[in-house]
């Protein structure tokens, strides 16, 4: 495998975006240069005056970490061919796993750690519903049925709520016990002001709680 590692072959319209030292002799964008530029832009946009900015900087540096694999480097170079499965050239998943680990080593709060990981995992796509990647798979694997009802805007959400059943949903002692545990572990208040952001914050808190119990 040729060095240095590259992020992508630079197109003609991009040549003025990067300095000469950030490109290879063939005009390809160096992977380290791309990651550094993205991290610098994040700091400029969001500031560098609090602890959260350190987590954002780390996630930005690591967002293309998965491009360092031999499979991706062969895939991204026009002069080379690769016969590996498409999954091995998908770089975002490896970057997300690395971000989860590094933010944990930095002592990032659980919600920031999860947010950074999801942002890296889907940085070429729209951000997902986090429950589809965390709480719901864990629940299915362990035979756990959720007790949080959906707001009923569609027939699918009504059907989901109907599956809960009164024998599970109408057990206040379980709800009170979980609420007490969440308050002790993550605090008894939410930071968001809008109701829908408050709801999202509570859902993320429950997801992190389930991850803590499962790992």
Protein backbone atom coordinates (compact mmCIF):
# COMPACT_ATOMS: atom_id res chain seq x y z
CA UNK A 1 0.00 0.00 0.00
CA UNK A 2 1.35 3.37 -1.03
CA UNK A 3 1.80 6.06 1.56
CA UNK A 4 0.73 8.60 2.66
CA UNK A 5 -2.88 7.77 3.42
CA UNK A 6 -5.39 9.80 1.43
CA UNK A 7 -8.94 10.89 2.13
CA UNK A 8 -10.00 11.08 -1.50
CA UNK A 9 -8.65 12.00 -4.93
CA UNK A 10 -8.86 15.78 -5.16
CA UNK A 11 -11.12 17.10 -7.92
CA UNK A 12 -10.10 20.13 -9.94
CA UNK A 13 -12.61 22.40 -8.25
CA UNK A 14 -11.13 21.52 -4.84
CA UNK A 15 -7.51 22.38 -5.56
CA UNK A 16 -7.80 25.87 -4.06
CA UNK A 17 -9.38 24.58 -0.85
CA UNK A 18 -6.18 23.01 0.47
CA UNK A 19 -2.58 24.14 0.54
CA UNK A 20 0.14 22.31 -1.38
CA UNK A 21 1.52 20.59 1.71
CA UNK A 22 -1.93 19.08 2.38
CA UNK A 23 -1.90 17.26 -0.96
CA UNK A 24 0.23 14.37 -2.16
CA UNK A 25 2.51 14.68 -5.15
CA UNK A 26 -0.34 13.24 -7.24
CA UNK A 27 -2.76 15.90 -6.01
CA UNK A 28 -4.71 13.63 -3.65
CA UNK A 29 -5.92 14.99 -0.33
CA UNK A 30 -3.96 13.62 2.64
CA UNK A 31 -6.15 11.93 5.25
CA UNK A 32 -4.41 13.67 8.15
CA UNK A 33 -4.87 17.05 6.49
CA UNK A 34 -8.57 16.49 5.90
CA UNK A 35 -9.19 15.41 9.50
CA UNK A 36 -7.23 18.40 10.81
CA UNK A 37 -9.12 20.89 8.63
CA UNK A 38 -12.51 19.48 9.69
CA UNK A 39 -11.51 19.68 13.37
CA UNK A 40 -10.32 23.28 12.98
CA UNK A 41 -13.60 24.26 11.31
CA UNK A 42 -15.60 22.69 14.13
CA UNK A 43 -13.68 24.72 16.69
CA UNK A 44 -14.15 27.93 14.69
CA UNK A 45 -17.89 27.34 14.37
CA UNK A 46 -18.64 26.23 17.92
CA UNK A 47 -15.85 27.85 19.93
CA UNK A 48 -13.13 26.43 22.12
CA UNK A 49 -14.13 27.73 25.51
CA UNK A 50 -15.57 24.74 27.32
CA UNK A 51 -14.98 21.05 27.92
CA UNK A 52 -17.53 19.96 25.31
CA UNK A 53 -15.43 21.58 22.58
CA UNK A 54 -12.66 19.08 23.36
CA UNK A 55 -15.08 16.22 22.72
CA UNK A 56 -16.25 17.83 19.47
CA UNK A 57 -12.65 18.29 18.36
CA UNK A 58 -11.86 14.64 19.08
CA UNK A 59 -14.93 13.41 17.19
CA UNK A 60 -14.05 15.62 14.22
CA UNK A 61 -10.46 14.33 14.13
CA UNK A 62 -11.70 10.72 14.24
CA UNK A 63 -14.66 10.99 11.86
CA UNK A 64 -12.70 9.49 8.94
CA UNK A 65 -10.52 7.14 10.99
CA UNK A 66 -11.99 4.20 9.08
CA UNK A 67 -10.36 5.45 5.88
CA UNK A 68 -6.97 4.31 7.17
CA UNK A 69 -7.71 0.66 6.38
CA UNK A 70 -6.01 -1.06 3.41
CA UNK A 71 -9.43 -1.88 1.99
CA UNK A 72 -10.55 1.74 1.87
CA UNK A 73 -7.20 2.99 0.57
CA UNK A 74 -7.38 0.52 -2.32
CA UNK A 75 -11.02 1.47 -2.94
CA UNK A 76 -10.37 5.22 -3.04
CA UNK A 77 -7.36 5.10 -5.37
CA UNK A 78 -8.44 5.02 -9.04
CA UNK A 79 -5.28 3.18 -10.10
CA UNK A 80 -5.93 0.25 -7.74
CA UNK A 81 -8.61 -2.41 -7.66
CA UNK A 82 -10.24 -4.11 -4.71
CA UNK A 83 -12.43 -7.19 -4.51
CA UNK A 84 -13.34 -6.94 -0.83
CA UNK A 85 -17.00 -6.76 0.31
CA UNK A 86 -18.59 -3.31 0.26
CA UNK A 87 -18.89 -3.36 4.06
CA UNK A 88 -15.09 -3.31 4.38
CA UNK A 89 -14.91 -0.03 2.47
CA UNK A 90 -17.54 1.67 4.66
CA UNK A 91 -15.40 3.86 6.87
CA UNK A 92 -17.96 5.53 9.13
CA UNK A 93 -18.64 2.48 11.31
CA UNK A 94 -15.01 2.05 12.33
CA UNK A 95 -14.73 5.78 12.98
CA UNK A 96 -17.80 5.63 15.21
CA UNK A 97 -16.42 2.75 17.29
CA UNK A 98 -13.13 4.59 17.71
CA UNK A 99 -14.97 7.76 18.72
CA UNK A 100 -16.98 5.87 21.36
CA UNK A 101 -13.78 4.47 22.86
CA UNK A 102 -11.75 7.71 22.77
CA UNK A 103 -14.52 9.86 24.23
CA UNK A 104 -14.87 7.32 27.00
CA UNK A 105 -11.14 7.55 27.73
CA UNK A 106 -11.48 11.36 27.81
CA UNK A 107 -14.18 11.09 30.47
CA UNK A 108 -16.94 12.54 28.30
CA UNK A 109 -20.46 12.43 29.76
CA UNK A 110 -22.51 9.54 28.46
CA UNK A 111 -24.85 11.74 26.43
CA UNK A 112 -21.95 13.55 24.74
CA UNK A 113 -20.28 10.22 24.06
CA UNK A 114 -23.40 8.82 22.42
CA UNK A 115 -24.05 12.01 20.45
CA UNK A 116 -20.49 12.10 19.08
CA UNK A 117 -20.58 8.44 18.14
CA UNK A 118 -23.87 8.74 16.25
CA UNK A 119 -22.69 11.89 14.48
CA UNK A 120 -19.59 10.08 13.19
CA UNK A 121 -21.52 6.92 12.31
CA UNK A 122 -23.88 8.87 10.06
CA UNK A 123 -21.77 11.83 8.95
CA UNK A 124 -22.62 11.11 5.31
CA UNK A 125 -26.32 10.65 6.06
CA UNK A 126 -29.14 12.10 8.14
CA UNK A 127 -28.85 11.53 11.87
CA UNK A 128 -30.87 8.47 12.92
CA UNK A 129 -33.30 7.69 15.67
CA UNK A 130 -30.80 6.55 18.27
CA UNK A 131 -33.17 3.97 19.70
CA UNK A 132 -32.95 1.92 16.49
CA UNK A 133 -29.23 1.37 17.11
CA UNK A 134 -29.14 1.02 20.88
CA UNK A 135 -32.17 0.41 23.03
CA UNK A 136 -34.33 -1.53 20.57
CA UNK A 137 -31.67 -4.12 19.52
CA UNK A 138 -30.66 -4.65 23.15
CA UNK A 139 -34.29 -5.09 24.12
CA UNK A 140 -34.90 -7.66 21.37
CA UNK A 141 -31.77 -9.65 22.25
CA UNK A 142 -32.68 -9.82 25.92
CA UNK A 143 -36.41 -10.31 25.52
CA UNK A 144 -37.21 -6.93 27.10
CA UNK A 145 -40.45 -5.18 26.20
CA UNK A 146 -40.32 -1.35 26.44
CA UNK A 147 -42.71 0.49 28.75
CA UNK A 148 -42.49 3.92 27.09
CA UNK A 149 -45.52 4.66 24.95
CA UNK A 150 -45.29 6.54 21.65
CA UNK A 151 -47.24 9.68 20.91
CA UNK A 152 -49.91 8.39 18.54
CA UNK A 153 -49.50 10.19 15.22
CA UNK A 154 -49.78 7.09 13.03
CA UNK A 155 -51.37 3.66 12.97
CA UNK A 156 -47.96 2.07 13.54
CA UNK A 157 -47.49 4.02 16.78
CA UNK A 158 -50.99 3.07 17.92
CA UNK A 159 -50.22 -0.58 17.22
CA UNK A 160 -46.95 -0.31 19.17
CA UNK A 161 -48.77 1.13 22.18
CA UNK A 162 -51.42 -1.58 21.99
CA UNK A 163 -48.69 -4.23 22.24
CA UNK A 164 -47.60 -2.94 25.64
CA UNK A 165 -50.73 -4.14 27.38
CA UNK A 166 -52.10 -2.97 30.71
CA UNK A 167 -50.43 -5.85 32.56
CA UNK A 168 -47.05 -4.22 31.87
CA UNK A 169 -47.79 -0.54 31.50
CA UNK A 170 -49.93 -0.19 34.63
CA UNK A 171 -47.20 -1.13 37.08
CA UNK A 172 -46.22 2.21 38.69
CA UNK A 173 -43.66 0.69 41.03
CA UNK A 174 -41.42 -0.29 38.10
CA UNK A 175 -41.68 3.16 36.55
CA UNK A 176 -40.95 4.88 39.87
CA UNK A 177 -37.94 2.65 40.49
CA UNK A 178 -36.46 3.39 37.06
CA UNK A 179 -37.16 7.13 37.39
CA UNK A 180 -35.43 7.19 40.75
CA UNK A 181 -32.40 5.40 39.33
CA UNK A 182 -32.19 7.79 36.38
CA UNK A 183 -32.36 10.83 38.66
CA UNK A 184 -29.58 9.55 40.91
CA UNK A 185 -27.32 8.63 38.00
CA UNK A 186 -27.94 11.45 35.51
CA UNK A 187 -29.58 14.26 37.49
CA UNK A 188 -33.17 15.26 38.19
CA UNK A 189 -33.56 17.91 35.49
CA UNK A 190 -33.33 18.41 31.72
CA UNK A 191 -31.39 21.21 30.03
CA UNK A 192 -33.63 21.72 27.01
CA UNK A 193 -36.43 24.29 26.98
CA UNK A 194 -38.58 23.10 24.09
CA UNK A 195 -40.82 20.13 24.92
CA UNK A 196 -39.70 17.99 22.00
CA UNK A 197 -36.04 18.50 22.89
CA UNK A 198 -36.83 17.61 26.50
CA UNK A 199 -38.46 14.40 25.29
CA UNK A 200 -35.42 13.61 23.11
CA UNK A 201 -33.10 14.26 26.05
CA UNK A 202 -35.08 11.86 28.24
CA UNK A 203 -35.00 9.17 25.54
CA UNK A 204 -31.22 9.53 25.16
CA UNK A 205 -30.86 9.26 28.94
CA UNK A 206 -32.83 6.00 28.90
CA UNK A 207 -30.67 4.69 26.04
CA UNK A 208 -27.46 5.42 27.93
CA UNK A 209 -28.93 3.80 31.04
CA UNK A 210 -29.72 0.62 29.06
CA UNK A 211 -26.20 0.60 27.59
CA UNK A 212 -24.69 0.92 31.07
CA UNK A 213 -26.68 -2.07 32.27
CA UNK A 214 -25.90 -4.19 29.19
CA UNK A 215 -22.14 -3.57 28.93
